[in-house]
Amino acid sequence: MNQKKILVVTGPQGSGNHLWSKIFSSHKDVCGWRELTKKYWITHKEEPFRHAWLEPKLLYDMEFKHENYYTNTSFPTGGHVKKSKRIPKVREFIETLKDIGFDVQIGVTSRDKNILKLQQERRWREETTPEFLDIVEKIENLIFLSYESLLLYRERYVKSLNINIPINYDAISDNIKIDQNQKYISNFTPSSLRNR
């Protein structure tokens, strides 16, 4: 019997977690966040492993009937009350999956740090990336999932990552028709021209 595989993805809030979830949950042979592949956006409250991210011991009670899995959480994730933060137990979640017997790959989402800061201050009124960096510092063999590289290189970039679950490569272009970074970019005017 083959060892069950899971791709576990996490990253700072605002780093493209939903986009990666759409891509990695799209293959018919992957048990992932299927509901998100049908909608533009839904909250992390609807992610299939959401409770286990906060209480990893719940994984021991789950039934795993498929061969390939995908799960994702942003860090932090939102609570039921607006502006409330919930801190996923990332390292414990990963270690519990390994204890169950999964072949675990860990992906970490990234995005321009200035965009992350703006998004997090809007959502949480403070920057939360440093908190996340402390968590992942002790996790080995990370696969870095760059939002900017995905937009530029698309399928070629994803193929270079050597992900161990099946991937529907058509889902990549289907899900990145709009560059969400555009809204943060404006033309630069040198200060010498602004003062004229």
Protein backbone atom coordinates (compact mmCIF):
# COMPACT_ATOMS: atom_id res chain seq x y z
CA MET A 1 0.00 0.00 0.00
CA ASN A 2 1.32 3.45 -0.94
CA GLN A 3 1.96 6.05 1.74
CA LYS A 4 -0.68 8.78 1.73
CA LYS A 5 0.62 12.20 0.65
CA ILE A 6 -0.34 15.64 1.86
CA LEU A 7 0.76 19.10 0.81
CA VAL A 8 0.48 21.43 3.79
CA VAL A 9 0.60 25.12 2.90
CA THR A 10 0.72 28.10 5.22
CA GLY A 11 1.93 31.65 5.01
CA PRO A 12 1.43 35.17 6.24
CA GLN A 13 -2.08 36.53 5.90
CA GLY A 14 -2.34 38.23 2.50
CA SER A 15 0.36 36.16 0.79
CA GLY A 16 -1.84 34.35 -1.73
CA ASN A 17 -3.07 31.40 0.34
CA HIS A 18 -6.44 31.32 -1.42
CA LEU A 19 -4.89 31.36 -4.89
CA TRP A 20 -2.55 28.46 -4.06
CA SER A 21 -5.49 26.58 -2.53
CA LYS A 22 -7.47 26.92 -5.74
CA ILE A 23 -4.54 25.56 -7.75
CA PHE A 24 -3.60 22.65 -5.49
CA SER A 25 -7.21 21.60 -4.78
CA SER A 26 -8.24 21.47 -8.46
CA HIS A 27 -6.99 18.02 -9.41
CA LYS A 28 -9.70 15.34 -9.27
CA ASP A 29 -7.40 12.97 -7.35
CA VAL A 30 -6.65 15.45 -4.55
CA CYS A 31 -8.86 15.81 -1.50
CA GLY A 32 -8.47 19.52 -0.80
CA TRP A 33 -10.41 22.73 -0.39
CA ARG A 34 -12.85 21.82 -3.18
CA GLU A 35 -15.46 24.43 -2.19
CA LEU A 36 -12.97 27.24 -2.84
CA THR A 37 -12.39 26.05 -6.43
CA LYS A 38 -16.05 26.91 -7.15
CA LYS A 39 -16.05 30.41 -5.67
CA TYR A 40 -13.86 33.50 -5.93
CA TRP A 41 -13.26 33.70 -2.18
CA ILE A 42 -14.49 32.09 1.04
CA THR A 43 -13.19 32.38 4.58
CA HIS A 44 -10.73 29.97 6.20
CA LYS A 45 -13.62 28.94 8.47
CA GLU A 46 -14.69 26.70 5.57
CA GLU A 47 -11.33 25.00 4.94
CA PRO A 48 -11.76 21.22 5.54
CA PHE A 49 -8.93 20.93 8.12
CA ARG A 50 -9.75 24.24 9.89
CA HIS A 51 -10.44 22.73 13.33
CA ALA A 52 -7.31 20.58 13.26
CA TRP A 53 -5.10 23.59 12.48
CA LEU A 54 -6.14 24.96 15.89
CA GLU A 55 -6.25 21.56 17.67
CA PRO A 56 -3.96 19.14 15.79
CA LYS A 57 -4.88 16.16 17.98
CA LEU A 58 -8.23 16.15 16.11
CA LEU A 59 -6.32 14.70 13.14
CA TYR A 60 -6.11 11.36 14.97
CA ASP A 61 -9.92 11.07 14.81
CA MET A 62 -10.21 11.89 11.11
CA GLU A 63 -10.75 9.22 8.47
CA PHE A 64 -8.38 9.48 5.50
CA LYS A 65 -9.84 7.55 2.56
CA HIS A 66 -7.91 9.27 -0.25
CA GLU A 67 -4.30 8.93 -1.39
CA ASN A 68 -3.57 12.67 -1.89
CA TYR A 69 -4.52 15.60 0.32
CA TYR A 70 -4.08 19.34 0.40
CA THR A 71 -4.66 21.78 3.26
CA ASN A 72 -3.92 25.44 3.87
CA THR A 73 -4.15 28.09 6.53
CA SER A 74 -3.08 31.68 6.65
CA PHE A 75 -1.20 32.94 9.69
CA PRO A 76 -2.97 34.29 11.60
CA THR A 77 -6.42 33.24 10.52
CA GLY A 78 -9.62 35.08 11.35
CA GLY A 79 -11.92 34.13 14.17
CA HIS A 80 -15.68 34.35 14.26
CA VAL A 81 -15.54 37.90 15.61
CA LYS A 82 -14.39 40.55 13.14
CA LYS A 83 -10.74 41.50 13.67
CA SER A 84 -10.13 38.55 16.04
CA LYS A 85 -6.95 36.58 15.38
CA ARG A 86 -6.58 32.84 15.71
CA ILE A 87 -3.10 31.34 15.72
CA PRO A 88 -2.81 27.98 13.93
CA LYS A 89 -0.52 25.42 15.60
CA VAL A 90 1.59 24.96 12.48
CA ARG A 91 4.47 22.85 13.80
CA GLU A 92 2.23 20.60 15.89
CA PHE A 93 -0.13 20.13 12.93
CA ILE A 94 2.75 19.00 10.70
CA GLU A 95 4.24 16.67 13.32
CA THR A 96 0.84 15.05 13.95
CA LEU A 97 0.38 14.32 10.23
CA LYS A 98 3.83 12.69 10.17
CA ASP A 99 2.93 10.66 13.26
CA ILE A 100 -0.22 9.41 11.50
CA GLY A 101 2.01 8.21 8.66
CA PHE A 102 1.62 10.84 5.95
CA ASP A 103 4.34 11.77 3.49
CA VAL A 104 4.21 15.51 4.26
CA GLN A 105 5.42 18.33 2.02
CA ILE A 106 5.32 21.84 3.44
CA GLY A 107 4.79 24.90 1.30
CA VAL A 108 5.17 28.46 2.55
CA THR A 109 3.50 31.26 0.62
CA SER A 110 5.29 34.55 0.04
CA ARG A 111 4.55 37.93 -1.44
CA ASP A 112 6.16 41.36 -1.54
CA LYS A 113 6.72 42.35 2.10
CA ASN A 114 5.37 45.88 1.57
CA ILE A 115 2.09 44.51 0.20
CA LEU A 116 1.89 42.09 3.12
CA LYS A 117 2.38 44.93 5.60
CA LEU A 118 -0.40 47.00 4.00
CA GLN A 119 -2.81 44.07 3.92
CA GLN A 120 -2.11 43.01 7.49
CA GLU A 121 -2.42 46.52 8.89
CA ARG A 122 -5.78 46.82 7.11
CA ARG A 123 -6.96 43.44 8.46
CA TRP A 124 -5.35 43.30 11.91
CA ARG A 125 -4.21 46.90 12.50
CA GLU A 126 -0.65 45.56 12.84
CA GLU A 127 1.92 43.68 10.79
CA THR A 128 1.84 39.93 11.53
CA THR A 129 4.55 38.55 9.20
CA PRO A 130 7.33 38.67 11.87
CA GLU A 131 5.20 36.41 14.08
CA PHE A 132 4.88 33.92 11.21
CA LEU A 133 8.61 34.00 10.46
CA ASP A 134 9.33 32.95 14.05
CA ILE A 135 7.05 29.92 13.62
CA VAL A 136 8.53 28.63 10.34
CA GLU A 137 12.14 29.26 11.29
CA LYS A 138 12.25 25.82 12.95
CA ILE A 139 10.58 23.90 10.10
CA GLU A 140 12.89 22.16 7.64
CA ASN A 141 12.57 21.32 3.93
CA LEU A 142 10.18 24.12 3.04
CA ILE A 143 8.96 24.75 -0.49
CA PHE A 144 8.65 28.49 -1.05
CA LEU A 145 5.56 29.43 -3.05
CA SER A 146 6.16 32.89 -4.50
CA TYR A 147 3.09 34.83 -5.62
CA GLU A 148 5.20 36.95 -7.96
CA SER A 149 6.95 33.94 -9.55
CA LEU A 150 3.58 32.28 -10.05
CA LEU A 151 2.23 35.34 -11.89
CA LEU A 152 5.31 35.58 -14.11
CA TYR A 153 6.20 31.95 -14.88
CA ARG A 154 2.86 30.18 -14.26
CA GLU A 155 2.91 26.42 -15.07
CA ARG A 156 6.67 26.38 -15.54
CA TYR A 157 7.21 27.72 -12.03
CA VAL A 158 4.78 25.26 -10.43
CA LYS A 159 6.41 22.33 -12.24
CA SER A 160 9.80 23.40 -10.84
CA LEU A 161 8.51 23.00 -7.26
CA ASN A 162 8.39 19.18 -7.44
CA ILE A 163 5.11 18.93 -5.56
CA ASN A 164 4.26 15.31 -4.68
CA ILE A 165 0.48 15.47 -5.15
CA PRO A 166 -1.20 15.57 -8.61
CA ILE A 167 -1.68 19.08 -10.04
CA ASN A 168 -4.21 20.30 -12.59
CA TYR A 169 -1.96 22.69 -14.51
CA ASP A 170 -4.94 24.19 -16.39
CA ALA A 171 -6.15 25.59 -13.05
CA ILE A 172 -3.13 27.90 -12.90
CA SER A 173 -4.02 30.21 -15.77
CA ASP A 174 -7.72 29.86 -14.96
CA ASN A 175 -7.09 31.37 -11.53
CA ILE A 176 -4.61 34.16 -12.29
CA LYS A 177 -6.44 36.18 -14.90
CA ILE A 178 -6.13 39.29 -12.69
CA ASP A 179 -2.86 40.40 -11.12
CA GLN A 180 -3.90 41.38 -7.60
CA ASN A 181 -0.64 43.31 -7.15
CA GLN A 182 -1.76 45.95 -9.68
CA LYS A 183 -3.82 47.82 -7.11
CA TYR A 184 -0.67 48.44 -5.03
CA ILE A 185 1.40 49.79 -7.89
CA SER A 186 1.48 53.40 -9.10
CA ASN A 187 3.83 55.31 -11.37
CA PHE A 188 6.93 56.62 -9.67
CA THR A 189 7.61 60.35 -9.90
CA PRO A 190 11.15 61.37 -8.87
CA SER A 191 11.13 63.93 -6.05
CA SER A 192 13.03 66.41 -8.26
CA LEU A 193 10.01 66.52 -10.62
CA ARG A 194 7.40 66.67 -7.83
CA ASN A 195 8.78 69.95 -6.50
CA ARG A 196 8.59 71.87 -9.80
